[in-house]
Amino acid sequence: MLAYAEKLTETPREITAADIENLREAGLDDRDIHDLNQVVAYFNYVNRVADGLGIELESGARDYLESS
């Protein structure tokens, strides 16, 4: 799941049927794969919107995220 999430985030055009098959082999069904895709894609979308608008995180939030 993490490899898929990373690939979807960094190189989404490189997702192939083999990536989906790897998720199925790990025990995910079509609904799980859909949900994983939606969560990762939405998180990426929201971050790009915020970054593109220059939105600053609340005080302390950036420190927390960077230390995680």
C-alpha atoms as a PDB file:
ATOM      1  CA  MET A   1       0.000   0.000   0.000  1.00  0.00           C
ATOM      2  CA  LEU A   2       2.781   2.411   0.863  1.00  0.00           C
ATOM      3  CA  ALA A   3       4.668   1.687  -2.365  1.00  0.00           C
ATOM      4  CA  TYR A   4       1.467   2.356  -4.316  1.00  0.00           C
ATOM      5  CA  ALA A   5       0.808   5.570  -2.377  1.00  0.00           C
ATOM      6  CA  GLU A   6       4.346   6.780  -2.997  1.00  0.00           C
ATOM      7  CA  LYS A   7       4.169   5.969  -6.711  1.00  0.00           C
ATOM      8  CA  LEU A   8       0.755   7.614  -7.069  1.00  0.00           C
ATOM      9  CA  THR A   9       2.155  10.712  -5.358  1.00  0.00           C
ATOM     10  CA  GLU A  10       5.476  10.995  -7.148  1.00  0.00           C
ATOM     11  CA  THR A  11       4.979   9.367 -10.563  1.00  0.00           C
ATOM     12  CA  PRO A  12       1.256   8.773 -11.131  1.00  0.00           C
ATOM     13  CA  ARG A  13       1.650   8.242 -14.887  1.00  0.00           C
ATOM     14  CA  GLU A  14       3.777   5.207 -14.137  1.00  0.00           C
ATOM     15  CA  ILE A  15       0.996   3.275 -12.364  1.00  0.00           C
ATOM     16  CA  THR A  16       0.408   0.025 -14.247  1.00  0.00           C
ATOM     17  CA  ALA A  17      -1.805  -3.019 -14.007  1.00  0.00           C
ATOM     18  CA  ALA A  18       1.080  -4.703 -12.178  1.00  0.00           C
ATOM     19  CA  ASP A  19       0.795  -2.147  -9.361  1.00  0.00           C
ATOM     20  CA  ILE A  20      -2.883  -2.972  -8.975  1.00  0.00           C
ATOM     21  CA  GLU A  21      -2.128  -6.693  -9.080  1.00  0.00           C
ATOM     22  CA  ASN A  22       0.431  -6.233  -6.294  1.00  0.00           C
ATOM     23  CA  LEU A  23      -2.301  -4.686  -4.150  1.00  0.00           C
ATOM     24  CA  ARG A  24      -4.619  -7.608  -4.874  1.00  0.00           C
ATOM     25  CA  GLU A  25      -1.866 -10.069  -3.979  1.00  0.00           C
ATOM     26  CA  ALA A  26      -1.471  -8.207  -0.679  1.00  0.00           C
ATOM     27  CA  GLY A  27      -5.137  -8.935   0.042  1.00  0.00           C
ATOM     28  CA  LEU A  28      -6.881  -5.775  -1.104  1.00  0.00           C
ATOM     29  CA  ASP A  29     -10.114  -6.083  -3.055  1.00  0.00           C
ATOM     30  CA  ASP A  30     -11.375  -3.599  -5.632  1.00  0.00           C
ATOM     31  CA  ARG A  31     -13.136  -1.485  -3.001  1.00  0.00           C
ATOM     32  CA  ASP A  32      -9.976  -1.314  -0.878  1.00  0.00           C
ATOM     33  CA  ILE A  33      -7.908  -0.293  -3.905  1.00  0.00           C
ATOM     34  CA  HIS A  34     -10.447   2.364  -4.832  1.00  0.00           C
ATOM     35  CA  ASP A  35     -10.470   3.737  -1.281  1.00  0.00           C
ATOM     36  CA  LEU A  36      -6.664   3.772  -1.135  1.00  0.00           C
ATOM     37  CA  ASN A  37      -6.514   5.614  -4.451  1.00  0.00           C
ATOM     38  CA  GLN A  38      -9.083   8.184  -3.332  1.00  0.00           C
ATOM     39  CA  VAL A  39      -7.417   8.920   0.011  1.00  0.00           C
ATOM     40  CA  VAL A  40      -3.958   9.328  -1.509  1.00  0.00           C
ATOM     41  CA  ALA A  41      -5.201  11.381  -4.471  1.00  0.00           C
ATOM     42  CA  TYR A  42      -7.307  13.663  -2.246  1.00  0.00           C
ATOM     43  CA  PHE A  43      -4.451  14.236   0.199  1.00  0.00           C
ATOM     44  CA  ASN A  44      -2.172  15.152  -2.714  1.00  0.00           C
ATOM     45  CA  TYR A  45      -4.803  17.446  -4.202  1.00  0.00           C
ATOM     46  CA  VAL A  46      -5.420  19.327  -0.962  1.00  0.00           C
ATOM     47  CA  ASN A  47      -1.714  19.785  -0.338  1.00  0.00           C
ATOM     48  CA  ARG A  48      -1.115  21.093  -3.853  1.00  0.00           C
ATOM     49  CA  VAL A  49      -3.986  23.557  -3.526  1.00  0.00           C
ATOM     50  CA  ALA A  50      -2.660  24.801  -0.190  1.00  0.00           C
ATOM     51  CA  ASP A  51       0.912  25.021  -1.464  1.00  0.00           C
ATOM     52  CA  GLY A  52      -0.215  26.722  -4.667  1.00  0.00           C
ATOM     53  CA  LEU A  53      -2.057  29.382  -2.696  1.00  0.00           C
ATOM     54  CA  GLY A  54       0.794  29.902  -0.249  1.00  0.00           C
ATOM     55  CA  ILE A  55      -1.301  28.823   2.713  1.00  0.00           C
ATOM     56  CA  GLU A  56       0.733  28.592   5.897  1.00  0.00           C
ATOM     57  CA  LEU A  57       0.097  25.907   8.488  1.00  0.00           C
ATOM     58  CA  GLU A  58      -1.009  26.895  11.959  1.00  0.00           C
ATOM     59  CA  SER A  59       1.713  27.629  14.463  1.00  0.00           C
ATOM     60  CA  GLY A  60       3.499  24.420  15.449  1.00  0.00           C
ATOM     61  CA  ALA A  61       1.831  22.250  12.805  1.00  0.00           C
ATOM     62  CA  ARG A  62       4.771  22.380  10.373  1.00  0.00           C
ATOM     63  CA  ASP A  63       7.213  21.467  13.194  1.00  0.00           C
ATOM     64  CA  TYR A  64       5.008  18.528  14.112  1.00  0.00           C
ATOM     65  CA  LEU A  65       4.787  17.266  10.528  1.00  0.00           C
ATOM     66  CA  GLU A  66       8.512  17.652   9.931  1.00  0.00           C
ATOM     67  CA  SER A  67       9.355  15.735  13.099  1.00  0.00           C
ATOM     68  CA  SER A  68       7.006  12.834  12.250  1.00  0.00           C
END
